[in-house]
Amino acid sequence: MKAAIYYGKNDIRVEERPIPTVGPNDVLIRNLRGGICGTDINIVKEGSNLGISFGSEFGHEFFGEIVEVGANVSDDIKVGMRVGVNPITAKRAGRRKSLECGGFSQYVLIEDAALNYNLYVMDDHVTAEEAVLMEPMSVGFHGAFRTHPRPGEKIAVLGAGPIGLSAAASLIGEG
């Protein structure tokens, strides 16, 4: 499979890597769309290995189709399902490796696969372009409601990127 690999400052290479092996609790996703996060861009421009290790697959905003299911995975997860992914719970390493999920790879292994934990089913009417926005929209929503806003309260959202716009839309929708 082809995978984007991070090697440091302004150094990303597309390489051939083996398709991940599915363990008994895992699923394999064929990546249909990947989003580029501002964090990815900043790490690549800076050349830091804080967040993405040198020599690693990376990308954490992605949407795909399940192509293989491990033997112990719940029967409610099936080949052919279209899913968004929570990068924080996609790997056993958790939050500290969430930027290294492999969202810029053709295939992505999701460990300890479970619906509404690290996999979120997308209806067929949701386009891949819309579905890939699940992760940044979730971040915006989470940020907007983390402070427990009350109806009628005035709130300023700083920043008009995807996260800020998602936060603002979430607040407007609740208002």
C-alpha atoms as a PDB file:
ATOM      1  CA  MET A   1       0.000   0.000   0.000  1.00  0.00           C
ATOM      2  CA  LYS A   2       1.054   3.606  -0.400  1.00  0.00           C
ATOM      3  CA  ALA A   3       1.565   5.594   2.790  1.00  0.00           C
ATOM      4  CA  ALA A   4       2.700   9.140   3.577  1.00  0.00           C
ATOM      5  CA  ILE A   5       5.678   8.951   5.936  1.00  0.00           C
ATOM      6  CA  TYR A   6       6.964  11.874   7.998  1.00  0.00           C
ATOM      7  CA  TYR A   7      10.747  12.291   8.128  1.00  0.00           C
ATOM      8  CA  GLY A   8      11.130  15.800   9.529  1.00  0.00           C
ATOM      9  CA  LYS A   9      11.009  19.405   8.448  1.00  0.00           C
ATOM     10  CA  ASN A  10       9.249  19.655   5.072  1.00  0.00           C
ATOM     11  CA  ASP A  11      10.107  16.009   4.426  1.00  0.00           C
ATOM     12  CA  ILE A  12       7.128  13.780   3.664  1.00  0.00           C
ATOM     13  CA  ARG A  13       7.568  10.808   1.359  1.00  0.00           C
ATOM     14  CA  VAL A  14       5.017   8.492  -0.194  1.00  0.00           C
ATOM     15  CA  GLU A  15       6.326   4.967   0.276  1.00  0.00           C
ATOM     16  CA  GLU A  16       5.203   1.392  -0.226  1.00  0.00           C
ATOM     17  CA  ARG A  17       4.423  -0.256   3.090  1.00  0.00           C
ATOM     18  CA  PRO A  18       2.829  -3.631   3.880  1.00  0.00           C
ATOM     19  CA  ILE A  19      -0.914  -3.645   4.431  1.00  0.00           C
ATOM     20  CA  PRO A  20      -1.396  -3.997   8.210  1.00  0.00           C
ATOM     21  CA  THR A  21      -2.209  -7.428   9.590  1.00  0.00           C
ATOM     22  CA  VAL A  22      -5.588  -7.603  11.291  1.00  0.00           C
ATOM     23  CA  GLY A  23      -5.559  -8.973  14.820  1.00  0.00           C
ATOM     24  CA  PRO A  24      -8.541 -10.700  16.436  1.00  0.00           C
ATOM     25  CA  ASN A  25      -9.923  -7.436  17.922  1.00  0.00           C
ATOM     26  CA  ASP A  26      -9.121  -5.158  14.994  1.00  0.00           C
ATOM     27  CA  VAL A  27     -10.524  -4.012  11.667  1.00  0.00           C
ATOM     28  CA  LEU A  28      -8.832  -2.875   8.485  1.00  0.00           C
ATOM     29  CA  ILE A  29     -10.168   0.204   6.747  1.00  0.00           C
ATOM     30  CA  ARG A  30      -9.598   1.194   3.135  1.00  0.00           C
ATOM     31  CA  ASN A  31      -9.083   4.929   3.338  1.00  0.00           C
ATOM     32  CA  LEU A  32     -11.535   6.854   1.140  1.00  0.00           C
ATOM     33  CA  ARG A  33     -10.697  10.421   2.220  1.00  0.00           C
ATOM     34  CA  GLY A  34      -8.140  12.084   4.456  1.00  0.00           C
ATOM     35  CA  GLY A  35      -8.135  15.601   5.835  1.00  0.00           C
ATOM     36  CA  ILE A  36      -5.059  17.707   6.499  1.00  0.00           C
ATOM     37  CA  CYS A  37      -5.094  19.178   9.999  1.00  0.00           C
ATOM     38  CA  GLY A  38      -3.364  22.419  10.920  1.00  0.00           C
ATOM     39  CA  THR A  39      -1.427  20.426  13.519  1.00  0.00           C
ATOM     40  CA  ASP A  40      -0.028  18.185  10.759  1.00  0.00           C
ATOM     41  CA  ILE A  41       1.064  21.243   8.787  1.00  0.00           C
ATOM     42  CA  ASN A  42       2.676  22.928  11.791  1.00  0.00           C
ATOM     43  CA  ILE A  43       4.610  19.806  12.796  1.00  0.00           C
ATOM     44  CA  VAL A  44       5.900  19.310   9.236  1.00  0.00           C
ATOM     45  CA  LYS A  45       6.889  22.997   8.877  1.00  0.00           C
ATOM     46  CA  GLU A  46       8.617  22.982  12.275  1.00  0.00           C
ATOM     47  CA  GLY A  47      10.334  19.627  11.783  1.00  0.00           C
ATOM     48  CA  SER A  48       9.400  18.499  15.270  1.00  0.00           C
ATOM     49  CA  ASN A  49       8.929  14.913  16.379  1.00  0.00           C
ATOM     50  CA  LEU A  50       6.496  16.013  19.087  1.00  0.00           C
ATOM     51  CA  GLY A  51       3.209  14.479  18.011  1.00  0.00           C
ATOM     52  CA  ILE A  52       4.464  12.609  14.952  1.00  0.00           C
ATOM     53  CA  SER A  53       7.536  10.390  15.211  1.00  0.00           C
ATOM     54  CA  PHE A  54      10.112  10.508  12.445  1.00  0.00           C
ATOM     55  CA  GLY A  55       9.595   7.617  10.019  1.00  0.00           C
ATOM     56  CA  SER A  56       5.915   7.179  10.937  1.00  0.00           C
ATOM     57  CA  GLU A  57       2.686   7.080   9.002  1.00  0.00           C
ATOM     58  CA  PHE A  58       0.524   9.999  10.008  1.00  0.00           C
ATOM     59  CA  GLY A  59      -2.835  11.683   9.507  1.00  0.00           C
ATOM     60  CA  HIS A  60      -5.776  11.515  11.880  1.00  0.00           C
ATOM     61  CA  GLU A  61      -8.739  12.984   9.966  1.00  0.00           C
ATOM     62  CA  PHE A  62     -10.014  10.230   7.688  1.00  0.00           C
ATOM     63  CA  PHE A  63     -13.000   8.265   6.520  1.00  0.00           C
ATOM     64  CA  GLY A  64     -13.103   4.801   5.011  1.00  0.00           C
ATOM     65  CA  GLU A  65     -14.697   1.472   4.357  1.00  0.00           C
ATOM     66  CA  ILE A  66     -14.134  -1.640   6.453  1.00  0.00           C
ATOM     67  CA  VAL A  67     -12.468  -4.336   4.337  1.00  0.00           C
ATOM     68  CA  GLU A  68     -11.502  -6.899   6.992  1.00  0.00           C
ATOM     69  CA  VAL A  69     -12.810  -7.725  10.474  1.00  0.00           C
ATOM     70  CA  GLY A  70     -10.947  -9.619  13.195  1.00  0.00           C
ATOM     71  CA  ALA A  71     -12.418 -12.850  14.597  1.00  0.00           C
ATOM     72  CA  ASN A  72     -13.334 -11.364  18.014  1.00  0.00           C
ATOM     73  CA  VAL A  73     -14.875  -8.126  16.734  1.00  0.00           C
ATOM     74  CA  SER A  74     -18.575  -7.645  17.489  1.00  0.00           C
ATOM     75  CA  ASP A  75     -21.025  -8.915  14.869  1.00  0.00           C
ATOM     76  CA  ASP A  76     -22.437  -5.400  14.484  1.00  0.00           C
ATOM     77  CA  ILE A  77     -19.260  -4.414  12.590  1.00  0.00           C
ATOM     78  CA  LYS A  78     -19.234  -5.706   9.045  1.00  0.00           C
ATOM     79  CA  VAL A  79     -17.134  -5.575   5.899  1.00  0.00           C
ATOM     80  CA  GLY A  80     -18.429  -2.800   3.660  1.00  0.00           C
ATOM     81  CA  MET A  81     -19.454  -0.425   6.468  1.00  0.00           C
ATOM     82  CA  ARG A  82     -18.536   3.195   5.842  1.00  0.00           C
ATOM     83  CA  VAL A  83     -16.995   4.658   8.990  1.00  0.00           C
ATOM     84  CA  GLY A  84     -15.450   7.725  10.500  1.00  0.00           C
ATOM     85  CA  VAL A  85     -12.708   7.155  13.058  1.00  0.00           C
ATOM     86  CA  ASN A  86     -11.886   8.607  16.467  1.00  0.00           C
ATOM     87  CA  PRO A  87      -8.076   8.932  16.294  1.00  0.00           C
ATOM     88  CA  ILE A  88      -7.682   9.019  20.077  1.00  0.00           C
ATOM     89  CA  THR A  89      -9.164   5.532  20.487  1.00  0.00           C
ATOM     90  CA  ALA A  90      -8.080   4.080  17.123  1.00  0.00           C
ATOM     91  CA  LYS A  91      -4.795   2.732  18.503  1.00  0.00           C
ATOM     92  CA  ARG A  92      -4.007   1.092  21.826  1.00  0.00           C
ATOM     93  CA  ALA A  93      -1.343   3.771  22.389  1.00  0.00           C
ATOM     94  CA  GLY A  94      -4.188   6.301  22.725  1.00  0.00           C
ATOM     95  CA  ARG A  95      -3.920  10.066  22.675  1.00  0.00           C
ATOM     96  CA  ARG A  96      -0.120  10.280  22.611  1.00  0.00           C
ATOM     97  CA  LYS A  97      -0.026   8.551  19.200  1.00  0.00           C
ATOM     98  CA  SER A  98      -3.340   9.835  17.828  1.00  0.00           C
ATOM     99  CA  LEU A  99      -1.635  11.883  15.089  1.00  0.00           C
ATOM    100  CA  GLU A 100      -0.014   8.676  13.774  1.00  0.00           C
ATOM    101  CA  CYS A 101      -3.211   6.818  12.893  1.00  0.00           C
ATOM    102  CA  GLY A 102      -2.263   6.535   9.230  1.00  0.00           C
ATOM    103  CA  GLY A 103      -4.923   8.772   7.720  1.00  0.00           C
ATOM    104  CA  PHE A 104      -2.650   9.438   4.733  1.00  0.00           C
ATOM    105  CA  SER A 105      -2.257   5.714   4.010  1.00  0.00           C
ATOM    106  CA  GLN A 106      -4.316   3.525   1.705  1.00  0.00           C
ATOM    107  CA  TYR A 107      -5.227   1.140   4.528  1.00  0.00           C
ATOM    108  CA  VAL A 108      -5.520   1.814   8.257  1.00  0.00           C
ATOM    109  CA  LEU A 109      -5.644  -0.694  11.112  1.00  0.00           C
ATOM    110  CA  ILE A 110      -8.103   0.199  13.876  1.00  0.00           C
ATOM    111  CA  GLU A 111      -7.236  -1.626  17.081  1.00  0.00           C
ATOM    112  CA  ASP A 112      -9.859  -2.867  19.547  1.00  0.00           C
ATOM    113  CA  ALA A 113     -12.582  -1.906  17.083  1.00  0.00           C
ATOM    114  CA  ALA A 114     -15.982  -0.988  18.496  1.00  0.00           C
ATOM    115  CA  LEU A 115     -18.890   1.085  17.254  1.00  0.00           C
ATOM    116  CA  ASN A 116     -19.315   4.437  18.989  1.00  0.00           C
ATOM    117  CA  TYR A 117     -15.861   4.044  20.554  1.00  0.00           C
ATOM    118  CA  ASN A 118     -13.451   4.345  17.651  1.00  0.00           C
ATOM    119  CA  LEU A 119     -15.744   3.659  14.667  1.00  0.00           C
ATOM    120  CA  TYR A 120     -18.780   5.719  13.702  1.00  0.00           C
ATOM    121  CA  VAL A 121     -21.076   4.499  10.929  1.00  0.00           C
ATOM    122  CA  MET A 122     -21.877   6.975   8.171  1.00  0.00           C
ATOM    123  CA  ASP A 123     -25.132   6.686   6.228  1.00  0.00           C
ATOM    124  CA  ASP A 124     -24.839   6.085   2.492  1.00  0.00           C
ATOM    125  CA  HIS A 125     -26.229   9.554   1.697  1.00  0.00           C
ATOM    126  CA  VAL A 126     -23.230  11.187   3.460  1.00  0.00           C
ATOM    127  CA  THR A 127     -20.516  11.857   0.888  1.00  0.00           C
ATOM    128  CA  ALA A 128     -16.887  11.008   1.588  1.00  0.00           C
ATOM    129  CA  GLU A 129     -16.097  14.736   1.489  1.00  0.00           C
ATOM    130  CA  GLU A 130     -18.668  15.368   4.214  1.00  0.00           C
ATOM    131  CA  ALA A 131     -17.772  12.310   6.283  1.00  0.00           C
ATOM    132  CA  VAL A 132     -14.086  13.208   6.527  1.00  0.00           C
ATOM    133  CA  LEU A 133     -15.118  16.350   8.425  1.00  0.00           C
ATOM    134  CA  MET A 134     -16.322  14.237  11.374  1.00  0.00           C
ATOM    135  CA  GLU A 135     -13.089  14.612  13.339  1.00  0.00           C
ATOM    136  CA  PRO A 136     -12.569  18.402  13.018  1.00  0.00           C
ATOM    137  CA  MET A 137     -16.275  19.045  13.589  1.00  0.00           C
ATOM    138  CA  SER A 138     -16.161  16.881  16.717  1.00  0.00           C
ATOM    139  CA  VAL A 139     -13.196  18.864  18.002  1.00  0.00           C
ATOM    140  CA  GLY A 140     -15.052  22.144  17.390  1.00  0.00           C
ATOM    141  CA  PHE A 141     -18.204  20.871  19.081  1.00  0.00           C
ATOM    142  CA  HIS A 142     -16.231  19.554  22.054  1.00  0.00           C
ATOM    143  CA  GLY A 143     -14.397  22.860  22.431  1.00  0.00           C
ATOM    144  CA  ALA A 144     -17.608  24.878  22.207  1.00  0.00           C
ATOM    145  CA  PHE A 145     -19.422  22.893  24.879  1.00  0.00           C
ATOM    146  CA  ARG A 146     -16.510  22.199  27.195  1.00  0.00           C
ATOM    147  CA  THR A 147     -17.279  25.433  29.040  1.00  0.00           C
ATOM    148  CA  HIS A 148     -20.962  24.491  29.451  1.00  0.00           C
ATOM    149  CA  PRO A 149     -22.445  27.589  27.773  1.00  0.00           C
ATOM    150  CA  ARG A 150     -25.929  28.661  28.809  1.00  0.00           C
ATOM    151  CA  PRO A 151     -28.683  29.928  26.493  1.00  0.00           C
ATOM    152  CA  GLY A 152     -28.377  33.666  25.898  1.00  0.00           C
ATOM    153  CA  GLU A 153     -24.745  33.779  26.969  1.00  0.00           C
ATOM    154  CA  LYS A 154     -22.428  35.718  24.648  1.00  0.00           C
ATOM    155  CA  ILE A 155     -19.424  33.703  23.458  1.00  0.00           C
ATOM    156  CA  ALA A 156     -16.556  34.708  21.198  1.00  0.00           C
ATOM    157  CA  VAL A 157     -14.920  32.048  19.037  1.00  0.00           C
ATOM    158  CA  LEU A 158     -11.396  33.046  18.073  1.00  0.00           C
ATOM    159  CA  GLY A 159     -10.281  31.655  14.740  1.00  0.00           C
ATOM    160  CA  ALA A 160     -12.235  30.992  11.565  1.00  0.00           C
ATOM    161  CA  GLY A 161     -10.593  27.769  10.462  1.00  0.00           C
ATOM    162  CA  PRO A 162     -12.464  24.472  10.357  1.00  0.00           C
ATOM    163  CA  ILE A 163     -12.359  24.023  14.144  1.00  0.00           C
ATOM    164  CA  GLY A 164     -13.462  27.576  14.936  1.00  0.00           C
ATOM    165  CA  LEU A 165     -16.243  27.459  12.358  1.00  0.00           C
ATOM    166  CA  SER A 166     -17.396  24.105  13.734  1.00  0.00           C
ATOM    167  CA  ALA A 167     -17.420  25.541  17.260  1.00  0.00           C
ATOM    168  CA  ALA A 168     -19.406  28.583  16.121  1.00  0.00           C
ATOM    169  CA  ALA A 169     -21.890  26.486  14.131  1.00  0.00           C
ATOM    170  CA  SER A 170     -22.371  24.180  17.118  1.00  0.00           C
ATOM    171  CA  LEU A 171     -23.122  27.107  19.411  1.00  0.00           C
ATOM    172  CA  ILE A 172     -25.485  28.714  16.894  1.00  0.00           C
ATOM    173  CA  GLY A 173     -27.272  25.399  16.406  1.00  0.00           C
ATOM    174  CA  GLU A 174     -27.820  25.041  20.146  1.00  0.00           C
ATOM    175  CA  GLY A 175     -28.922  28.684  20.552  1.00  0.00           C
END
